[in-house]
Amino acid sequence: MIPATKPFTKVVEIQRAEENFQSVILKLLNNVITFEEFEKSHKVLFNVCDEFGSYAKKNKNPITHDVIFFDK
């Protein structure tokens, strides 16, 4: 879990995980990788998304409900 006080910088990681996952799906469809490798990529994508969801719940504006992001 990411502490609420730590800036969230995982948005780029989510995009990267999504792109990787799309690439892995194509490789799986073309029999280039095994199903186990596909599952591993799937878990990475969802772990990053879970971290983002946890961060968003802790750092949303109580009035507007917008997620508060911090840049490095």
Protein backbone atom coordinates (compact mmCIF):
# COMPACT_ATOMS: atom_id res chain seq x y z
CA MET A 1 0.00 0.00 0.00
CA ILE A 2 1.10 3.55 -0.67
CA PRO A 3 0.97 5.87 2.36
CA ALA A 4 -1.52 8.72 1.93
CA THR A 5 1.27 11.24 2.47
CA LYS A 6 3.38 9.88 -0.40
CA PRO A 7 2.79 11.44 -3.84
CA PHE A 8 1.19 9.01 -6.24
CA THR A 9 3.28 8.58 -9.37
CA LYS A 10 1.81 5.34 -10.70
CA VAL A 11 -0.36 6.77 -13.50
CA VAL A 12 2.50 6.28 -15.97
CA GLU A 13 3.00 2.78 -14.57
CA ILE A 14 -0.67 1.97 -15.21
CA GLN A 15 -0.32 3.10 -18.83
CA ARG A 16 2.87 1.06 -19.22
CA ALA A 17 1.23 -2.02 -17.66
CA GLU A 18 -1.77 -1.67 -20.00
CA GLU A 19 0.47 -1.42 -23.05
CA ASN A 20 2.49 -4.41 -21.89
CA PHE A 21 -0.70 -6.39 -21.27
CA GLN A 22 -1.99 -5.63 -24.79
CA SER A 23 1.33 -6.81 -26.22
CA VAL A 24 1.16 -9.97 -24.12
CA ILE A 25 -2.38 -10.72 -25.35
CA LEU A 26 -1.18 -10.53 -28.95
CA LYS A 27 1.77 -12.80 -28.17
CA LEU A 28 -0.56 -15.28 -26.48
CA LEU A 29 -2.91 -15.28 -29.47
CA ASN A 30 0.05 -15.93 -31.77
CA ASN A 31 1.36 -18.73 -29.52
CA VAL A 32 4.56 -16.80 -28.81
CA ILE A 33 4.21 -17.03 -25.01
CA THR A 34 2.72 -19.47 -22.53
CA PHE A 35 -0.47 -18.96 -20.59
CA GLU A 36 1.61 -18.68 -17.39
CA GLU A 37 3.47 -15.68 -18.83
CA PHE A 38 0.11 -14.16 -19.76
CA GLU A 39 -1.16 -14.61 -16.19
CA LYS A 40 1.97 -12.95 -14.79
CA SER A 41 1.41 -9.84 -16.94
CA HIS A 42 -2.27 -9.81 -15.96
CA LYS A 43 -1.33 -9.80 -12.25
CA VAL A 44 1.12 -6.92 -12.72
CA LEU A 45 -1.54 -4.78 -14.41
CA PHE A 46 -4.13 -5.42 -11.72
CA ASN A 47 -1.67 -4.90 -8.85
CA VAL A 48 -0.79 -1.46 -10.19
CA CYS A 49 -4.49 -0.64 -10.64
CA ASP A 50 -5.25 -1.83 -7.09
CA GLU A 51 -2.54 0.43 -5.70
CA PHE A 52 -4.00 3.34 -7.65
CA GLY A 53 -7.50 2.59 -6.33
CA SER A 54 -6.25 2.50 -2.74
CA TYR A 55 -4.44 5.80 -3.25
CA ALA A 56 -7.48 7.43 -4.86
CA LYS A 57 -9.74 6.46 -1.96
CA LYS A 58 -7.33 8.00 0.57
CA ASN A 59 -6.59 11.17 -1.38
CA LYS A 60 -9.86 12.40 -2.79
CA ASN A 61 -11.21 15.87 -2.15
CA PRO A 62 -14.10 15.44 0.32
CA ILE A 63 -16.14 18.15 -1.40
CA THR A 64 -15.58 17.52 -5.12
CA HIS A 65 -14.51 13.86 -4.80
CA ASP A 66 -11.68 14.56 -7.26
CA VAL A 67 -8.50 12.58 -6.65
CA ILE A 68 -5.64 14.80 -5.54
CA PHE A 69 -2.45 14.04 -7.49
CA PHE A 70 1.02 15.25 -6.65
CA ASP A 71 3.86 15.64 -9.11
CA LYS A 72 7.48 14.98 -8.21
